[in-house]
C-alpha atoms as a PDB file:
ATOM      1  CA  UNK A   1      69.833  89.820  96.889  1.00  0.00           C
ATOM      2  CA  UNK A   2      72.727  88.034  95.303  1.00  0.00           C
ATOM      3  CA  UNK A   3      75.495  88.707  97.701  1.00  0.00           C
ATOM      4  CA  UNK A   4      79.176  87.821  97.331  1.00  0.00           C
ATOM      5  CA  UNK A   5      82.391  88.539  99.342  1.00  0.00           C
ATOM      6  CA  UNK A   6      85.420  88.911  97.169  1.00  0.00           C
ATOM      7  CA  UNK A   7      89.014  89.244  98.340  1.00  0.00           C
ATOM      8  CA  UNK A   8      91.955  90.436  96.546  1.00  0.00           C
ATOM      9  CA  UNK A   9      95.286  89.634  98.248  1.00  0.00           C
ATOM     10  CA  UNK A  10      97.999  91.653  96.375  1.00  0.00           C
ATOM     11  CA  UNK A  11     101.581  92.335  96.943  1.00  0.00           C
ATOM     12  CA  UNK A  12     101.010  95.138  99.403  1.00  0.00           C
ATOM     13  CA  UNK A  13      97.332  95.409  99.879  1.00  0.00           C
ATOM     14  CA  UNK A  14      94.403  93.325 101.126  1.00  0.00           C
ATOM     15  CA  UNK A  15      91.170  94.374  99.726  1.00  0.00           C
ATOM     16  CA  UNK A  16      87.605  92.821 100.684  1.00  0.00           C
ATOM     17  CA  UNK A  17      84.268  93.560  98.986  1.00  0.00           C
ATOM     18  CA  UNK A  18      80.750  92.728  99.936  1.00  0.00           C
ATOM     19  CA  UNK A  19      78.899  93.082  96.696  1.00  0.00           C
ATOM     20  CA  UNK A  20      75.085  92.899  95.643  1.00  0.00           C
ATOM     21  CA  UNK A  21      75.072  91.780  92.097  1.00  0.00           C
ATOM     22  CA  UNK A  22      71.442  92.052  91.727  1.00  0.00           C
ATOM     23  CA  UNK A  23      71.760  95.919  92.233  1.00  0.00           C
ATOM     24  CA  UNK A  24      75.252  96.369  91.149  1.00  0.00           C
ATOM     25  CA  UNK A  25      75.656  97.900  94.620  1.00  0.00           C
ATOM     26  CA  UNK A  26      78.814  97.780  96.845  1.00  0.00           C
ATOM     27  CA  UNK A  27      77.293  96.893 100.367  1.00  0.00           C
ATOM     28  CA  UNK A  28      80.408  97.275 102.279  1.00  0.00           C
ATOM     29  CA  UNK A  29      84.329  96.881 101.867  1.00  0.00           C
ATOM     30  CA  UNK A  30      87.622  96.629 103.691  1.00  0.00           C
ATOM     31  CA  UNK A  31      91.210  97.597 102.872  1.00  0.00           C
ATOM     32  CA  UNK A  32      94.375  97.071 104.797  1.00  0.00           C
ATOM     33  CA  UNK A  33      98.117  97.381 103.830  1.00  0.00           C
ATOM     34  CA  UNK A  34      99.650  93.868 104.731  1.00  0.00           C
ATOM     35  CA  UNK A  35     103.000  94.299 102.926  1.00  0.00           C
ATOM     36  CA  UNK A  36     102.944  90.597 101.876  1.00  0.00           C
ATOM     37  CA  UNK A  37     105.820  91.096  99.592  1.00  0.00           C
ATOM     38  CA  UNK A  38     108.074  92.537 102.030  1.00  0.00           C
ATOM     39  CA  UNK A  39     111.657  91.134 101.491  1.00  0.00           C
ATOM     40  CA  UNK A  40     110.317  88.980  98.687  1.00  0.00           C
ATOM     41  CA  UNK A  41     112.863  90.057  96.014  1.00  0.00           C
ATOM     42  CA  UNK A  42     115.814  89.065  98.171  1.00  0.00           C
ATOM     43  CA  UNK A  43     114.527  86.122  99.916  1.00  0.00           C
ATOM     44  CA  UNK A  44     112.118  84.533  97.197  1.00  0.00           C
ATOM     45  CA  UNK A  45     109.542  83.803  99.840  1.00  0.00           C
ATOM     46  CA  UNK A  46     106.715  85.143 101.690  1.00  0.00           C
ATOM     47  CA  UNK A  47     107.817  85.846 105.274  1.00  0.00           C
ATOM     48  CA  UNK A  48     106.199  84.544 108.439  1.00  0.00           C
ATOM     49  CA  UNK A  49     105.581  88.222 109.593  1.00  0.00           C
ATOM     50  CA  UNK A  50     103.705  89.090 106.195  1.00  0.00           C
ATOM     51  CA  UNK A  51     101.672  85.786 106.567  1.00  0.00           C
ATOM     52  CA  UNK A  52     100.695  86.763 110.128  1.00  0.00           C
ATOM     53  CA  UNK A  53      99.603  90.201 108.781  1.00  0.00           C
ATOM     54  CA  UNK A  54      97.410  88.737 106.208  1.00  0.00           C
ATOM     55  CA  UNK A  55      95.769  86.153 108.709  1.00  0.00           C
ATOM     56  CA  UNK A  56      95.107  88.900 111.103  1.00  0.00           C
ATOM     57  CA  UNK A  57      93.503  91.085 108.281  1.00  0.00           C
ATOM     58  CA  UNK A  58      91.335  88.310 106.982  1.00  0.00           C
ATOM     59  CA  UNK A  59      90.151  87.692 110.558  1.00  0.00           C
ATOM     60  CA  UNK A  60      89.412  91.561 111.153  1.00  0.00           C
ATOM     61  CA  UNK A  61      87.619  91.783 107.738  1.00  0.00           C
ATOM     62  CA  UNK A  62      85.490  88.783 108.475  1.00  0.00           C
ATOM     63  CA  UNK A  63      84.266  90.250 111.697  1.00  0.00           C
ATOM     64  CA  UNK A  64      83.600  93.914 110.478  1.00  0.00           C
ATOM     65  CA  UNK A  65      81.937  92.688 107.280  1.00  0.00           C
ATOM     66  CA  UNK A  66      80.181  89.711 108.995  1.00  0.00           C
ATOM     67  CA  UNK A  67      81.168  86.795 106.680  1.00  0.00           C
ATOM     68  CA  UNK A  68      82.820  83.314 106.806  1.00  0.00           C
ATOM     69  CA  UNK A  69      86.217  83.482 104.919  1.00  0.00           C
ATOM     70  CA  UNK A  70      85.591  79.856 103.680  1.00  0.00           C
ATOM     71  CA  UNK A  71      82.639  81.146 101.713  1.00  0.00           C
ATOM     72  CA  UNK A  72      84.652  84.154 100.070  1.00  0.00           C
ATOM     73  CA  UNK A  73      85.865  84.168  96.517  1.00  0.00           C
ATOM     74  CA  UNK A  74      89.511  84.746  97.038  1.00  0.00           C
ATOM     75  CA  UNK A  75      92.399  85.511  94.556  1.00  0.00           C
ATOM     76  CA  UNK A  76      96.259  86.488  95.053  1.00  0.00           C
ATOM     77  CA  UNK A  77      98.371  87.855  92.417  1.00  0.00           C
ATOM     78  CA  UNK A  78     102.010  88.711  91.696  1.00  0.00           C
ATOM     79  CA  UNK A  79     103.739  88.191  94.931  1.00  0.00           C
ATOM     80  CA  UNK A  80     102.141  84.840  95.323  1.00  0.00           C
ATOM     81  CA  UNK A  81     102.895  83.940  91.841  1.00  0.00           C
ATOM     82  CA  UNK A  82     106.722  84.198  92.319  1.00  0.00           C
ATOM     83  CA  UNK A  83     107.033  83.074  96.002  1.00  0.00           C
ATOM     84  CA  UNK A  84     108.799  79.810  96.387  1.00  0.00           C
ATOM     85  CA  UNK A  85     106.625  78.805  99.403  1.00  0.00           C
ATOM     86  CA  UNK A  86     103.402  79.791  97.904  1.00  0.00           C
ATOM     87  CA  UNK A  87     101.574  76.471  98.466  1.00  0.00           C
ATOM     88  CA  UNK A  88     102.938  76.288 101.986  1.00  0.00           C
ATOM     89  CA  UNK A  89     101.447  79.831 102.553  1.00  0.00           C
ATOM     90  CA  UNK A  90      97.990  79.251 101.184  1.00  0.00           C
ATOM     91  CA  UNK A  91      97.881  75.918 103.206  1.00  0.00           C
ATOM     92  CA  UNK A  92      98.337  78.041 106.366  1.00  0.00           C
ATOM     93  CA  UNK A  93      95.779  80.722 105.368  1.00  0.00           C
ATOM     94  CA  UNK A  94      93.290  77.944 104.809  1.00  0.00           C
ATOM     95  CA  UNK A  95      94.001  76.299 108.113  1.00  0.00           C
ATOM     96  CA  UNK A  96      94.227  79.436 110.167  1.00  0.00           C
ATOM     97  CA  UNK A  97      91.200  81.177 108.464  1.00  0.00           C
ATOM     98  CA  UNK A  98      89.204  78.976 106.124  1.00  0.00           C
ATOM     99  CA  UNK A  99      89.949  81.183 103.272  1.00  0.00           C
ATOM    100  CA  UNK A 100      90.779  79.450 100.166  1.00  0.00           C
ATOM    101  CA  UNK A 101      92.873  81.484  97.751  1.00  0.00           C
ATOM    102  CA  UNK A 102      93.447  80.871  94.124  1.00  0.00           C
ATOM    103  CA  UNK A 103      96.749  82.091  92.454  1.00  0.00           C
ATOM    104  CA  UNK A 104      95.695  83.926  89.324  1.00  0.00           C
ATOM    105  CA  UNK A 105      98.074  84.672  86.343  1.00  0.00           C
ATOM    106  CA  UNK A 106      98.600  88.081  84.770  1.00  0.00           C
ATOM    107  CA  UNK A 107      96.232  87.488  82.092  1.00  0.00           C
ATOM    108  CA  UNK A 108      93.292  86.608  84.262  1.00  0.00           C
ATOM    109  CA  UNK A 109      94.171  89.425  86.510  1.00  0.00           C
ATOM    110  CA  UNK A 110      94.043  91.620  83.403  1.00  0.00           C
ATOM    111  CA  UNK A 111      90.725  90.108  82.290  1.00  0.00           C
ATOM    112  CA  UNK A 112      88.951  90.554  85.857  1.00  0.00           C
ATOM    113  CA  UNK A 113      90.182  94.312  86.205  1.00  0.00           C
ATOM    114  CA  UNK A 114      88.857  94.921  82.791  1.00  0.00           C
ATOM    115  CA  UNK A 115      85.424  93.466  83.616  1.00  0.00           C
ATOM    116  CA  UNK A 116      85.295  95.753  86.863  1.00  0.00           C
ATOM    117  CA  UNK A 117      86.234  98.871  84.707  1.00  0.00           C
ATOM    118  CA  UNK A 118      83.549  98.134  82.130  1.00  0.00           C
ATOM    119  CA  UNK A 119      80.874  98.178  84.782  1.00  0.00           C
ATOM    120  CA  UNK A 120      82.284 101.216  86.483  1.00  0.00           C
ATOM    121  CA  UNK A 121      82.262 103.190  83.233  1.00  0.00           C
ATOM    122  CA  UNK A 122      78.794 102.190  82.827  1.00  0.00           C
ATOM    123  CA  UNK A 123      77.744 103.154  86.403  1.00  0.00           C
ATOM    124  CA  UNK A 124      79.469 106.451  86.188  1.00  0.00           C
ATOM    125  CA  UNK A 125      77.687 107.026  82.615  1.00  0.00           C
ATOM    126  CA  UNK A 126      80.913 107.496  80.823  1.00  0.00           C
ATOM    127  CA  UNK A 127      80.509 106.088  77.328  1.00  0.00           C
ATOM    128  CA  UNK A 128      83.732 104.710  75.704  1.00  0.00           C
ATOM    129  CA  UNK A 129      84.007 101.722  73.567  1.00  0.00           C
ATOM    130  CA  UNK A 130      87.668 102.259  73.261  1.00  0.00           C
ATOM    131  CA  UNK A 131      89.817 102.631  76.126  1.00  0.00           C
ATOM    132  CA  UNK A 132      93.041 101.634  77.731  1.00  0.00           C
ATOM    133  CA  UNK A 133      93.260 100.420  81.446  1.00  0.00           C
ATOM    134  CA  UNK A 134      96.476 100.840  83.521  1.00  0.00           C
ATOM    135  CA  UNK A 135      96.683  98.647  86.712  1.00  0.00           C
ATOM    136  CA  UNK A 136      99.671  99.462  88.841  1.00  0.00           C
ATOM    137  CA  UNK A 137     100.200  96.741  91.369  1.00  0.00           C
ATOM    138  CA  UNK A 138     102.767  95.934  93.882  1.00  0.00           C
ATOM    139  CA  UNK A 139     104.393  93.087  92.044  1.00  0.00           C
ATOM    140  CA  UNK A 140     103.125  93.660  88.494  1.00  0.00           C
ATOM    141  CA  UNK A 141     101.508  96.229  86.025  1.00  0.00           C
ATOM    142  CA  UNK A 142      98.944  95.398  83.657  1.00  0.00           C
ATOM    143  CA  UNK A 143      97.819  97.303  80.576  1.00  0.00           C
ATOM    144  CA  UNK A 144      94.578  96.383  78.876  1.00  0.00           C
ATOM    145  CA  UNK A 145      93.401  97.719  75.495  1.00  0.00           C
ATOM    146  CA  UNK A 146      89.618  97.384  75.068  1.00  0.00           C
ATOM    147  CA  UNK A 147      88.133  97.906  71.604  1.00  0.00           C
ATOM    148  CA  UNK A 148      84.343  97.305  71.446  1.00  0.00           C
ATOM    149  CA  UNK A 149      84.030  93.499  71.649  1.00  0.00           C
ATOM    150  CA  UNK A 150      87.616  92.579  71.957  1.00  0.00           C
ATOM    151  CA  UNK A 151      90.734  93.275  74.304  1.00  0.00           C
ATOM    152  CA  UNK A 152      94.316  92.978  74.287  1.00  0.00           C
ATOM    153  CA  UNK A 153      96.165  92.469  77.722  1.00  0.00           C
ATOM    154  CA  UNK A 154      99.778  92.310  78.738  1.00  0.00           C
ATOM    155  CA  UNK A 155     101.043  91.856  82.353  1.00  0.00           C
ATOM    156  CA  UNK A 156     104.697  93.384  82.992  1.00  0.00           C
ATOM    157  CA  UNK A 157     106.472  91.749  85.916  1.00  0.00           C
ATOM    158  CA  UNK A 158     107.184  95.113  87.766  1.00  0.00           C
ATOM    159  CA  UNK A 159     105.262  97.099  90.286  1.00  0.00           C
ATOM    160  CA  UNK A 160     105.684  99.603  93.227  1.00  0.00           C
ATOM    161  CA  UNK A 161     106.863  97.024  95.792  1.00  0.00           C
ATOM    162  CA  UNK A 162     109.295  95.055  93.548  1.00  0.00           C
ATOM    163  CA  UNK A 163     110.890  98.044  91.968  1.00  0.00           C
ATOM    164  CA  UNK A 164     111.273  99.867  95.420  1.00  0.00           C
ATOM    165  CA  UNK A 165     112.916  96.709  96.978  1.00  0.00           C
ATOM    166  CA  UNK A 166     115.020  95.982  94.065  1.00  0.00           C
ATOM    167  CA  UNK A 167     116.608  99.518  93.897  1.00  0.00           C
ATOM    168  CA  UNK A 168     117.711 101.571  96.899  1.00  0.00           C
ATOM    169  CA  UNK A 169     118.219 104.652  94.534  1.00  0.00           C
ATOM    170  CA  UNK A 170     115.450 106.463  92.639  1.00  0.00           C
ATOM    171  CA  UNK A 171     117.713 107.194  89.821  1.00  0.00           C
ATOM    172  CA  UNK A 172     118.117 103.426  89.124  1.00  0.00           C
ATOM    173  CA  UNK A 173     114.585 103.038  89.246  1.00  0.00           C
ATOM    174  CA  UNK A 174     114.123 105.868  86.582  1.00  0.00           C
ATOM    175  CA  UNK A 175     116.696 104.059  84.465  1.00  0.00           C
ATOM    176  CA  UNK A 176     115.003 100.782  84.645  1.00  0.00           C
ATOM    177  CA  UNK A 177     111.637 102.333  83.728  1.00  0.00           C
ATOM    178  CA  UNK A 178     113.313 103.948  80.807  1.00  0.00           C
ATOM    179  CA  UNK A 179     114.435 100.501  79.488  1.00  0.00           C
ATOM    180  CA  UNK A 180     110.882  99.063  80.438  1.00  0.00           C
ATOM    181  CA  UNK A 181     109.311 101.940  78.478  1.00  0.00           C
ATOM    182  CA  UNK A 182     110.932 100.384  75.346  1.00  0.00           C
ATOM    183  CA  UNK A 183     109.399  96.994  75.954  1.00  0.00           C
ATOM    184  CA  UNK A 184     106.018  98.443  76.392  1.00  0.00           C
ATOM    185  CA  UNK A 185     106.252 100.531  73.194  1.00  0.00           C
ATOM    186  CA  UNK A 186     107.341  97.299  71.485  1.00  0.00           C
ATOM    187  CA  UNK A 187     104.274  95.565  72.552  1.00  0.00           C
ATOM    188  CA  UNK A 188     101.749  98.414  71.685  1.00  0.00           C
ATOM    189  CA  UNK A 189     103.455  98.823  68.406  1.00  0.00           C
ATOM    190  CA  UNK A 190     102.745  95.229  67.368  1.00  0.00           C
ATOM    191  CA  UNK A 191      99.094  95.627  67.996  1.00  0.00           C
ATOM    192  CA  UNK A 192      98.981  98.080  65.158  1.00  0.00           C
ATOM    193  CA  UNK A 193      96.388 100.255  66.738  1.00  0.00           C
ATOM    194  CA  UNK A 194      95.810 103.993  66.617  1.00  0.00           C
ATOM    195  CA  UNK A 195      95.558 104.594  70.585  1.00  0.00           C
ATOM    196  CA  UNK A 196      95.196 108.288  70.201  1.00  0.00           C
ATOM    197  CA  UNK A 197      91.378 107.832  70.027  1.00  0.00           C
ATOM    198  CA  UNK A 198      91.276 105.654  73.194  1.00  0.00           C
ATOM    199  CA  UNK A 199      90.299 106.947  76.753  1.00  0.00           C
ATOM    200  CA  UNK A 200      93.139 106.410  79.266  1.00  0.00           C
ATOM    201  CA  UNK A 201      91.684 104.776  82.488  1.00  0.00           C
ATOM    202  CA  UNK A 202      93.823 104.085  85.612  1.00  0.00           C
ATOM    203  CA  UNK A 203      93.144 102.186  88.776  1.00  0.00           C
ATOM    204  CA  UNK A 204      94.962 100.754  91.748  1.00  0.00           C
ATOM    205  CA  UNK A 205      96.547 102.600  94.820  1.00  0.00           C
ATOM    206  CA  UNK A 206      98.748 105.040  92.966  1.00  0.00           C
ATOM    207  CA  UNK A 207      96.295 106.517  90.565  1.00  0.00           C
ATOM    208  CA  UNK A 208      93.575 106.733  93.434  1.00  0.00           C
ATOM    209  CA  UNK A 209      96.147 108.292  95.735  1.00  0.00           C
ATOM    210  CA  UNK A 210      97.001 111.016  93.284  1.00  0.00           C
ATOM    211  CA  UNK A 211      93.482 111.615  92.716  1.00  0.00           C
ATOM    212  CA  UNK A 212      92.680 111.882  96.504  1.00  0.00           C
ATOM    213  CA  UNK A 213      95.534 114.267  97.191  1.00  0.00           C
ATOM    214  CA  UNK A 214      94.352 116.413  94.163  1.00  0.00           C
ATOM    215  CA  UNK A 215      90.744 116.421  95.766  1.00  0.00           C
ATOM    216  CA  UNK A 216      92.221 117.298  99.237  1.00  0.00           C
ATOM    217  CA  UNK A 217      91.311 114.020 100.748  1.00  0.00           C
ATOM    218  CA  UNK A 218      93.669 112.352 103.222  1.00  0.00           C
ATOM    219  CA  UNK A 219      93.573 108.685 104.219  1.00  0.00           C
ATOM    220  CA  UNK A 220      90.724 109.005 106.819  1.00  0.00           C
ATOM    221  CA  UNK A 221      88.470 111.354 104.533  1.00  0.00           C
ATOM    222  CA  UNK A 222      89.067 108.990 101.384  1.00  0.00           C
ATOM    223  CA  UNK A 223      85.930 108.382  99.426  1.00  0.00           C
ATOM    224  CA  UNK A 224      85.814 106.108  96.672  1.00  0.00           C
ATOM    225  CA  UNK A 225      82.664 107.615  95.278  1.00  0.00           C
ATOM    226  CA  UNK A 226      84.536 111.029  94.901  1.00  0.00           C
ATOM    227  CA  UNK A 227      87.416 109.378  93.467  1.00  0.00           C
ATOM    228  CA  UNK A 228      85.831 107.605  90.688  1.00  0.00           C
ATOM    229  CA  UNK A 229      85.709 109.403  87.390  1.00  0.00           C
ATOM    230  CA  UNK A 230      88.256 111.894  88.617  1.00  0.00           C
ATOM    231  CA  UNK A 231      90.484 113.211  85.906  1.00  0.00           C
ATOM    232  CA  UNK A 232      94.218 113.099  86.716  1.00  0.00           C
ATOM    233  CA  UNK A 233      96.506 114.971  84.433  1.00  0.00           C
ATOM    234  CA  UNK A 234     100.226 114.581  83.787  1.00  0.00           C
ATOM    235  CA  UNK A 235     100.978 117.889  85.633  1.00  0.00           C
ATOM    236  CA  UNK A 236      99.159 116.401  88.794  1.00  0.00           C
ATOM    237  CA  UNK A 237     101.659 113.836  88.913  1.00  0.00           C
ATOM    238  CA  UNK A 238     104.453 116.260  89.379  1.00  0.00           C
ATOM    239  CA  UNK A 239     102.634 118.252  91.748  1.00  0.00           C
ATOM    240  CA  UNK A 240     102.092 115.367  94.044  1.00  0.00           C
ATOM    241  CA  UNK A 241     105.430 114.153  93.511  1.00  0.00           C
ATOM    242  CA  UNK A 242     106.796 117.484  94.698  1.00  0.00           C
ATOM    243  CA  UNK A 243     104.609 117.466  97.678  1.00  0.00           C
ATOM    244  CA  UNK A 244     105.757 114.083  98.816  1.00  0.00           C
ATOM    245  CA  UNK A 245     109.286 115.244  98.422  1.00  0.00           C
ATOM    246  CA  UNK A 246     108.789 118.243 100.672  1.00  0.00           C
ATOM    247  CA  UNK A 247     106.653 116.935 103.483  1.00  0.00           C
ATOM    248  CA  UNK A 248     107.886 115.017 106.606  1.00  0.00           C
ATOM    249  CA  UNK A 249     106.989 111.338 107.029  1.00  0.00           C
ATOM    250  CA  UNK A 250     104.474 111.802 109.612  1.00  0.00           C
ATOM    251  CA  UNK A 251     102.410 114.211 107.567  1.00  0.00           C
ATOM    252  CA  UNK A 252     102.719 111.843 104.448  1.00  0.00           C
ATOM    253  CA  UNK A 253     101.534 108.823 106.558  1.00  0.00           C
ATOM    254  CA  UNK A 254      98.460 110.867 107.635  1.00  0.00           C
ATOM    255  CA  UNK A 255      97.883 111.796 104.016  1.00  0.00           C
ATOM    256  CA  UNK A 256      98.063 108.366 102.364  1.00  0.00           C
ATOM    257  CA  UNK A 257      97.966 105.891 105.117  1.00  0.00           C
ATOM    258  CA  UNK A 258     100.478 103.460 106.901  1.00  0.00           C
ATOM    259  CA  UNK A 259     102.539 101.250 104.586  1.00  0.00           C
ATOM    260  CA  UNK A 260     102.138 103.364 101.261  1.00  0.00           C
ATOM    261  CA  UNK A 261     104.559 106.244 101.818  1.00  0.00           C
ATOM    262  CA  UNK A 262     107.640 104.312 100.776  1.00  0.00           C
ATOM    263  CA  UNK A 263     105.998 103.206  97.438  1.00  0.00           C
ATOM    264  CA  UNK A 264     104.391 106.529  96.233  1.00  0.00           C
ATOM    265  CA  UNK A 265     107.323 107.968  94.368  1.00  0.00           C
ATOM    266  CA  UNK A 266     108.042 104.786  92.514  1.00  0.00           C
ATOM    267  CA  UNK A 267     104.295 104.423  91.757  1.00  0.00           C
ATOM    268  CA  UNK A 268     104.152 107.882  90.353  1.00  0.00           C
ATOM    269  CA  UNK A 269     107.086 107.234  88.255  1.00  0.00           C
ATOM    270  CA  UNK A 270     105.423 104.154  86.790  1.00  0.00           C
ATOM    271  CA  UNK A 271     102.200 106.224  86.201  1.00  0.00           C
ATOM    272  CA  UNK A 272     104.249 108.781  84.397  1.00  0.00           C
ATOM    273  CA  UNK A 273     106.139 106.326  82.297  1.00  0.00           C
ATOM    274  CA  UNK A 274     102.663 104.860  81.020  1.00  0.00           C
ATOM    275  CA  UNK A 275     101.475 108.468  80.329  1.00  0.00           C
ATOM    276  CA  UNK A 276     104.434 109.164  78.230  1.00  0.00           C
ATOM    277  CA  UNK A 277     104.272 105.624  76.457  1.00  0.00           C
ATOM    278  CA  UNK A 278     100.558 106.381  75.507  1.00  0.00           C
ATOM    279  CA  UNK A 279     101.377 109.990  74.686  1.00  0.00           C
ATOM    280  CA  UNK A 280      98.351 110.953  76.803  1.00  0.00           C
ATOM    281  CA  UNK A 281      97.745 114.065  78.865  1.00  0.00           C
ATOM    282  CA  UNK A 282      94.920 112.951  81.079  1.00  0.00           C
ATOM    283  CA  UNK A 283      93.537 109.838  82.736  1.00  0.00           C
ATOM    284  CA  UNK A 284      90.252 108.887  84.397  1.00  0.00           C
ATOM    285  CA  UNK A 285      90.666 107.269  87.851  1.00  0.00           C
ATOM    286  CA  UNK A 286      88.649 104.431  89.239  1.00  0.00           C
ATOM    287  CA  UNK A 287      88.883 102.692  92.872  1.00  0.00           C
ATOM    288  CA  UNK A 288      87.341  99.785  91.144  1.00  0.00           C
ATOM    289  CA  UNK A 289      89.561  96.934  90.426  1.00  0.00           C
ATOM    290  CA  UNK A 290      90.224  93.355  90.784  1.00  0.00           C
ATOM    291  CA  UNK A 291      88.012  92.640  93.786  1.00  0.00           C
ATOM    292  CA  UNK A 292      85.040  94.036  91.921  1.00  0.00           C
ATOM    293  CA  UNK A 293      86.067  91.906  88.846  1.00  0.00           C
ATOM    294  CA  UNK A 294      86.132  88.960  90.866  1.00  0.00           C
ATOM    295  CA  UNK A 295      82.750  89.473  92.298  1.00  0.00           C
ATOM    296  CA  UNK A 296      81.141  90.274  89.061  1.00  0.00           C
ATOM    297  CA  UNK A 297      82.737  87.333  87.275  1.00  0.00           C
ATOM    298  CA  UNK A 298      81.510  85.034  90.099  1.00  0.00           C
ATOM    299  CA  UNK A 299      77.769  86.019  89.264  1.00  0.00           C
ATOM    300  CA  UNK A 300      78.272  86.064  85.422  1.00  0.00           C
ATOM    301  CA  UNK A 301      79.498  82.464  85.715  1.00  0.00           C
END
């Protein structure tokens, strides 16, 4: 057995994977909302409260999955990239838990996510040489275009947490996304590719949440095996959005889990924006993402 523990510390979520590369099998996993980017947009740094939540999550995961954090392959992304105290925070994580995190840039994040999706498509027996991957994160959003043996990737500096914290009005979020839509279209246009023949694949918390709600799964019954390969249509986004606007906060928390409710509406608006930019009506959703890519990349190297 070729086993590895990979950790993805994002702007809002902390995700751990125990992976057996010899069989391409997920042995166990762990996920917790840690809200690392809470207050980051205004303060510019990772708060002590957020640091303590991450440390507690690392210790909890190491007990549940039975691993030594010092032996895990750990990466962290957008929030840590922009935090002014990132080196201080990473030093504290190492001293308190043994985990050594590497800050990866948007290009590397996109490459590793693409690697995970390629293996996921193969696992689910979905044949596609041409596909587009959307990864909606807490602090950044990646768009990756894969065409046979080459790919093009772009990391955009906005995500569900940063946009939510930046604006206290959903109308302002929509206005910024309208402006960002032009920027994304400009990037795609310069590639000079006919994307109409490309399969649209979406990963990360917002797409998987929409897929789960569509399948009738709440946070406690969430099953990534059922999520993987689920088709989410443009109309599904509106259905889930309306559901979230009608239900009380208690029911929504039970539906999607603590620490996610306040970001769902913005996440769906980002998802909808990319649907519109790509002129697509459906996407295939996967739970697979950065942590899977980190594990696979570790063994390939």
